[in-house]
Amino acid sequence: MGEMNIRIEDELRTRIEDLARNNDRSMEEEIAYLLRQAVDGQPKRESFADIARKIAAMTPKGVEQTSSLEMLREDRDR
């Protein structure tokens, strides 16, 4: 298990100590709990490949797609 050393304001430390006491946890356990809640609550980012697959799935089958190279050349020539 890794270690972290951080500097926090005295007021924040006091609030975390109060939370830990109210939840019957040590300060270390309370901080780990709070960090876990914050990280687990974040939405997971989709990878570029997953997004590309979703877009490809929306493309109707049998429809010829315009080449991106062709579109770039056309745009450049404007």
C-alpha atoms as a PDB file:
ATOM      1  CA  MET A   1       0.000   0.000   0.000  1.00  0.00           C
ATOM      2  CA  GLY A   2       1.308   3.452  -0.892  1.00  0.00           C
ATOM      3  CA  GLU A   3       1.770   6.476   1.306  1.00  0.00           C
ATOM      4  CA  MET A   4       0.859  10.119   0.744  1.00  0.00           C
ATOM      5  CA  ASN A   5       1.902  13.213   2.630  1.00  0.00           C
ATOM      6  CA  ILE A   6      -0.217  16.292   2.030  1.00  0.00           C
ATOM      7  CA  ARG A   7      -0.524  19.715   3.589  1.00  0.00           C
ATOM      8  CA  ILE A   8      -4.028  20.895   4.404  1.00  0.00           C
ATOM      9  CA  GLU A   9      -5.505  23.874   6.192  1.00  0.00           C
ATOM     10  CA  ASP A  10      -6.045  23.491   9.933  1.00  0.00           C
ATOM     11  CA  GLU A  11      -9.797  23.997   9.513  1.00  0.00           C
ATOM     12  CA  LEU A  12     -10.010  21.145   6.999  1.00  0.00           C
ATOM     13  CA  ARG A  13      -7.987  18.874   9.259  1.00  0.00           C
ATOM     14  CA  THR A  14     -10.354  19.637  12.139  1.00  0.00           C
ATOM     15  CA  ARG A  15     -13.384  18.869   9.977  1.00  0.00           C
ATOM     16  CA  ILE A  16     -11.879  15.541   8.878  1.00  0.00           C
ATOM     17  CA  GLU A  17     -11.029  14.676  12.484  1.00  0.00           C
ATOM     18  CA  ASP A  18     -14.661  15.383  13.442  1.00  0.00           C
ATOM     19  CA  LEU A  19     -15.927  13.205  10.595  1.00  0.00           C
ATOM     20  CA  ALA A  20     -13.580  10.395  11.591  1.00  0.00           C
ATOM     21  CA  ARG A  21     -14.689  10.584  15.214  1.00  0.00           C
ATOM     22  CA  ASN A  22     -18.388  10.603  14.220  1.00  0.00           C
ATOM     23  CA  ASN A  23     -17.863   7.610  11.920  1.00  0.00           C
ATOM     24  CA  ASP A  24     -15.733   5.638  14.401  1.00  0.00           C
ATOM     25  CA  ARG A  25     -12.779   5.657  12.029  1.00  0.00           C
ATOM     26  CA  SER A  26      -9.189   6.703  12.370  1.00  0.00           C
ATOM     27  CA  MET A  27      -8.089   9.836  10.576  1.00  0.00           C
ATOM     28  CA  GLU A  28      -6.275   7.687   7.998  1.00  0.00           C
ATOM     29  CA  GLU A  29      -9.357   5.516   7.417  1.00  0.00           C
ATOM     30  CA  GLU A  30     -11.568   8.579   7.043  1.00  0.00           C
ATOM     31  CA  ILE A  31      -9.269  10.213   4.503  1.00  0.00           C
ATOM     32  CA  ALA A  32      -9.044   6.960   2.507  1.00  0.00           C
ATOM     33  CA  TYR A  33     -12.851   6.689   2.606  1.00  0.00           C
ATOM     34  CA  LEU A  34     -13.308  10.289   1.424  1.00  0.00           C
ATOM     35  CA  LEU A  35     -10.791   9.860  -1.392  1.00  0.00           C
ATOM     36  CA  ARG A  36     -12.405   6.595  -2.493  1.00  0.00           C
ATOM     37  CA  GLN A  37     -15.846   8.264  -2.559  1.00  0.00           C
ATOM     38  CA  ALA A  38     -14.511  11.164  -4.619  1.00  0.00           C
ATOM     39  CA  VAL A  39     -12.710   8.956  -7.137  1.00  0.00           C
ATOM     40  CA  ASP A  40     -15.459   6.338  -7.469  1.00  0.00           C
ATOM     41  CA  GLY A  41     -18.037   9.075  -8.017  1.00  0.00           C
ATOM     42  CA  GLN A  42     -16.279  10.366 -11.127  1.00  0.00           C
ATOM     43  CA  PRO A  43     -17.790   9.343 -14.449  1.00  0.00           C
ATOM     44  CA  LYS A  44     -15.598   6.957 -16.379  1.00  0.00           C
ATOM     45  CA  ARG A  45     -14.193   8.355 -19.606  1.00  0.00           C
ATOM     46  CA  GLU A  46     -14.779   6.406 -22.765  1.00  0.00           C
ATOM     47  CA  SER A  47     -11.756   5.561 -24.840  1.00  0.00           C
ATOM     48  CA  PHE A  48     -11.436   6.990 -28.315  1.00  0.00           C
ATOM     49  CA  ALA A  49     -11.832   3.475 -29.744  1.00  0.00           C
ATOM     50  CA  ASP A  50     -15.136   2.977 -27.873  1.00  0.00           C
ATOM     51  CA  ILE A  51     -16.480   6.291 -29.170  1.00  0.00           C
ATOM     52  CA  ALA A  52     -15.379   5.435 -32.721  1.00  0.00           C
ATOM     53  CA  ARG A  53     -17.167   2.057 -32.489  1.00  0.00           C
ATOM     54  CA  LYS A  54     -20.380   3.768 -31.353  1.00  0.00           C
ATOM     55  CA  ILE A  55     -20.209   6.211 -34.246  1.00  0.00           C
ATOM     56  CA  ALA A  56     -19.479   3.397 -36.703  1.00  0.00           C
ATOM     57  CA  ALA A  57     -22.493   1.476 -35.372  1.00  0.00           C
ATOM     58  CA  MET A  58     -24.727   4.476 -36.196  1.00  0.00           C
ATOM     59  CA  THR A  59     -23.573   4.490 -39.814  1.00  0.00           C
ATOM     60  CA  PRO A  60     -26.111   2.714 -42.046  1.00  0.00           C
ATOM     61  CA  LYS A  61     -24.809  -0.461 -43.692  1.00  0.00           C
ATOM     62  CA  GLY A  62     -24.159  -0.266 -47.410  1.00  0.00           C
ATOM     63  CA  VAL A  63     -23.886   3.529 -47.486  1.00  0.00           C
ATOM     64  CA  GLU A  64     -20.662   4.669 -49.091  1.00  0.00           C
ATOM     65  CA  GLN A  65     -18.779   7.070 -46.851  1.00  0.00           C
ATOM     66  CA  THR A  66     -16.886  10.099 -48.072  1.00  0.00           C
ATOM     67  CA  SER A  67     -13.146   9.750 -47.661  1.00  0.00           C
ATOM     68  CA  SER A  68     -11.785  12.035 -44.961  1.00  0.00           C
ATOM     69  CA  LEU A  69      -8.782  12.682 -47.200  1.00  0.00           C
ATOM     70  CA  GLU A  70     -11.117  13.885 -49.934  1.00  0.00           C
ATOM     71  CA  MET A  71     -12.915  16.155 -47.475  1.00  0.00           C
ATOM     72  CA  LEU A  72      -9.622  17.633 -46.239  1.00  0.00           C
ATOM     73  CA  ARG A  73      -8.454  18.342 -49.778  1.00  0.00           C
ATOM     74  CA  GLU A  74     -11.767  19.959 -50.628  1.00  0.00           C
ATOM     75  CA  ASP A  75     -11.610  22.141 -47.534  1.00  0.00           C
ATOM     76  CA  ARG A  76      -7.997  23.127 -48.208  1.00  0.00           C
ATOM     77  CA  ASP A  77      -8.844  24.206 -51.760  1.00  0.00           C
ATOM     78  CA  ARG A  78     -11.455  26.733 -50.590  1.00  0.00           C
END
